C-alpha atoms as a PDB file:
ATOM      1  CA  MET A   1      29.982 -97.219 -47.486  1.00  0.00           C
ATOM      2  CA  LYS A   2      28.045 -94.867 -49.766  1.00  0.00           C
ATOM      3  CA  ASN A   3      29.587 -91.760 -51.161  1.00  0.00           C
ATOM      4  CA  LYS A   4      27.858 -88.569 -49.953  1.00  0.00           C
ATOM      5  CA  MET A   5      27.320 -87.575 -53.579  1.00  0.00           C
ATOM      6  CA  ASN A   6      25.169 -90.673 -54.165  1.00  0.00           C
ATOM      7  CA  LYS A   7      22.702 -89.935 -51.365  1.00  0.00           C
ATOM      8  CA  ALA A   8      19.181 -89.089 -52.471  1.00  0.00           C
ATOM      9  CA  VAL A   9      17.914 -85.596 -51.826  1.00  0.00           C
ATOM     10  CA  ARG A  10      15.490 -85.840 -48.904  1.00  0.00           C
ATOM     11  CA  PHE A  11      13.481 -82.665 -49.130  1.00  0.00           C
ATOM     12  CA  ASN A  12      10.509 -81.507 -51.105  1.00  0.00           C
ATOM     13  CA  PRO A  13      11.595 -78.647 -53.388  1.00  0.00           C
ATOM     14  CA  ASP A  14       8.006 -77.341 -53.392  1.00  0.00           C
ATOM     15  CA  GLU A  15       8.164 -76.720 -49.637  1.00  0.00           C
ATOM     16  CA  LEU A  16       9.923 -73.668 -48.281  1.00  0.00           C
ATOM     17  CA  GLN A  17      13.331 -74.599 -46.897  1.00  0.00           C
ATOM     18  CA  LEU A  18      14.308 -71.053 -45.931  1.00  0.00           C
ATOM     19  CA  THR A  19      14.187 -69.892 -42.344  1.00  0.00           C
ATOM     20  CA  LYS A  20      13.203 -66.474 -41.036  1.00  0.00           C
ATOM     21  CA  GLN A  21      16.882 -65.751 -40.568  1.00  0.00           C
ATOM     22  CA  ASP A  22      17.663 -66.697 -44.196  1.00  0.00           C
ATOM     23  CA  ILE A  23      15.020 -64.268 -45.464  1.00  0.00           C
ATOM     24  CA  ILE A  24      16.156 -61.502 -43.097  1.00  0.00           C
ATOM     25  CA  GLU A  25      19.767 -61.954 -44.252  1.00  0.00           C
ATOM     26  CA  MET A  26      18.694 -61.745 -47.909  1.00  0.00           C
ATOM     27  CA  LEU A  27      16.781 -58.539 -47.178  1.00  0.00           C
ATOM     28  CA  ASP A  28      19.800 -57.190 -45.251  1.00  0.00           C
ATOM     29  CA  SER A  29      21.893 -57.772 -48.355  1.00  0.00           C
ATOM     30  CA  ILE A  30      19.376 -55.893 -50.511  1.00  0.00           C
ATOM     31  CA  SER A  31      19.223 -53.068 -47.976  1.00  0.00           C
ATOM     32  CA  GLU A  32      23.028 -52.776 -47.933  1.00  0.00           C
ATOM     33  CA  ARG A  33      23.063 -52.366 -51.728  1.00  0.00           C
ATOM     34  CA  PHE A  34      20.411 -49.647 -51.503  1.00  0.00           C
ATOM     35  CA  LYS A  35      22.363 -47.892 -48.748  1.00  0.00           C
ATOM     36  CA  ARG A  36      25.232 -47.271 -51.161  1.00  0.00           C
ATOM     37  CA  ASN A  37      23.050 -44.420 -52.433  1.00  0.00           C
ATOM     38  CA  SER A  38      20.908 -43.790 -49.376  1.00  0.00           C
ATOM     39  CA  LYS A  39      19.619 -40.411 -50.544  1.00  0.00           C
ATOM     40  CA  GLY A  40      18.386 -41.775 -53.846  1.00  0.00           C
ATOM     41  CA  ASN A  41      17.101 -45.036 -52.403  1.00  0.00           C
ATOM     42  CA  TYR A  42      15.606 -43.939 -49.090  1.00  0.00           C
ATOM     43  CA  LYS A  43      12.114 -45.156 -50.069  1.00  0.00           C
ATOM     44  CA  PHE A  44      13.488 -48.598 -50.924  1.00  0.00           C
ATOM     45  CA  ILE A  45      15.492 -48.764 -47.699  1.00  0.00           C
ATOM     46  CA  ILE A  46      12.409 -47.923 -45.635  1.00  0.00           C
ATOM     47  CA  SER A  47      10.380 -50.535 -47.542  1.00  0.00           C
ATOM     48  CA  VAL A  48      12.958 -53.272 -47.020  1.00  0.00           C
ATOM     49  CA  GLU A  49      13.225 -52.441 -43.314  1.00  0.00           C
ATOM     50  CA  ALA A  50       9.419 -52.592 -43.024  1.00  0.00           C
ATOM     51  CA  MET A  51       9.436 -56.007 -44.726  1.00  0.00           C
ATOM     52  CA  LYS A  52      12.028 -57.229 -42.243  1.00  0.00           C
ATOM     53  CA  LEU A  53       9.913 -56.002 -39.335  1.00  0.00           C
ATOM     54  CA  GLY A  54       6.856 -57.774 -40.741  1.00  0.00           C
ATOM     55  CA  ILE A  55       8.795 -61.000 -41.149  1.00  0.00           C
ATOM     56  CA  ARG A  56      10.110 -60.841 -37.601  1.00  0.00           C
ATOM     57  CA  MET A  57       6.551 -60.411 -36.313  1.00  0.00           C
ATOM     58  CA  MET A  58       5.074 -63.276 -38.389  1.00  0.00           C
ATOM     59  CA  ASP A  59       4.587 -66.728 -37.006  1.00  0.00           C
ATOM     60  CA  ASN A  60       6.460 -69.461 -38.876  1.00  0.00           C
ATOM     61  CA  GLU A  61       3.351 -71.007 -40.426  1.00  0.00           C
ATOM     62  CA  THR A  62       2.270 -67.708 -42.002  1.00  0.00           C
ATOM     63  CA  LEU A  63       5.805 -66.910 -43.113  1.00  0.00           C
ATOM     64  CA  THR A  64       6.143 -70.296 -44.780  1.00  0.00           C
ATOM     65  CA  GLN A  65       2.818 -70.012 -46.562  1.00  0.00           C
ATOM     66  CA  ILE A  66       3.405 -66.474 -47.852  1.00  0.00           C
ATOM     67  CA  TRP A  67       6.999 -66.988 -48.976  1.00  0.00           C
ATOM     68  CA  THR A  68       6.153 -70.309 -50.610  1.00  0.00           C
ATOM     69  CA  GLU A  69       3.557 -68.481 -52.721  1.00  0.00           C
ATOM     70  CA  ILE A  70       5.987 -65.659 -53.526  1.00  0.00           C
ATOM     71  CA  ILE A  71       8.728 -68.056 -54.592  1.00  0.00           C
ATOM     72  CA  ASN A  72       6.325 -70.227 -56.592  1.00  0.00           C
ATOM     73  CA  GLY A  73       5.011 -67.129 -58.345  1.00  0.00           C
ATOM     74  CA  PHE A  74       8.484 -65.980 -59.314  1.00  0.00           C
ATOM     75  CA  ASN A  75       9.439 -69.476 -60.436  1.00  0.00           C
ATOM     76  CA  GLU A  76       6.345 -69.563 -62.633  1.00  0.00           C
ATOM     77  CA  LEU A  77       7.276 -66.156 -64.090  1.00  0.00           C
ATOM     78  CA  LEU A  78      10.788 -67.358 -64.895  1.00  0.00           C
ATOM     79  CA  TYR A  79       9.412 -70.566 -66.407  1.00  0.00           C
ATOM     80  CA  GLN A  80       6.914 -68.704 -68.600  1.00  0.00           C
ATOM     81  CA  ASN A  81       9.623 -66.268 -69.626  1.00  0.00           C
ATOM     82  CA  ALA A  82      11.877 -69.142 -70.704  1.00  0.00           C
ATOM     83  CA  LEU A  83       9.038 -70.841 -72.621  1.00  0.00           C
ATOM     84  CA  ASN A  84       7.861 -67.697 -74.323  1.00  0.00           C
ATOM     85  CA  GLY A  85      11.085 -66.026 -75.307  1.00  0.00           C
ATOM     86  CA  ASN A  86       9.290 -64.148 -78.061  1.00  0.00           C
ATOM     87  CA  GLN A  87       6.792 -62.543 -75.646  1.00  0.00           C
ATOM     88  CA  THR A  88       7.420 -59.484 -73.543  1.00  0.00           C
ATOM     89  CA  TRP A  89       7.823 -59.719 -69.789  1.00  0.00           C
ATOM     90  CA  SER A  90       4.447 -58.025 -69.311  1.00  0.00           C
ATOM     91  CA  GLU A  91       2.729 -60.639 -71.497  1.00  0.00           C
ATOM     92  CA  ASN A  92       4.303 -63.401 -69.415  1.00  0.00           C
ATOM     93  CA  LEU A  93       3.257 -61.631 -66.215  1.00  0.00           C
ATOM     94  CA  LYS A  94      -0.350 -61.547 -67.433  1.00  0.00           C
ATOM     95  CA  ILE A  95      -0.256 -65.307 -68.155  1.00  0.00           C
ATOM     96  CA  VAL A  96       1.060 -66.023 -64.665  1.00  0.00           C
ATOM     97  CA  LYS A  97      -1.400 -63.671 -62.948  1.00  0.00           C
ATOM     98  CA  ASP A  98      -4.300 -65.321 -64.754  1.00  0.00           C
ATOM     99  CA  LYS A  99      -2.988 -68.762 -63.828  1.00  0.00           C
ATOM    100  CA  LEU A 100      -2.514 -67.829 -60.144  1.00  0.00           C
ATOM    101  CA  ARG A 101      -6.008 -66.343 -59.902  1.00  0.00           C
ATOM    102  CA  LYS A 102      -7.464 -69.688 -60.989  1.00  0.00           C
ATOM    103  CA  LEU A 103      -5.721 -71.605 -58.173  1.00  0.00           C
END
């Protein structure tokens, strides 16, 4: 009998594994942090709530495609930032934007 720890991972890390509910819960968490100072963060709270509404209205195919691109973009930013520790964040952002435009 194989140990559970020895089982191979059976998912593609490049494909979105999150569900609508996972994304909504993450946005709920962000919204709750903003609500600690609701007067100062009202614009952010409204924006997060609008994002949640948009996600609820999206079909799963569109949601998957959009969030896959968002996550891949952020992963690329983090990767470039790690590679180019001597560059500013804005320089890394420019590299990633240029790279994404070519895709």
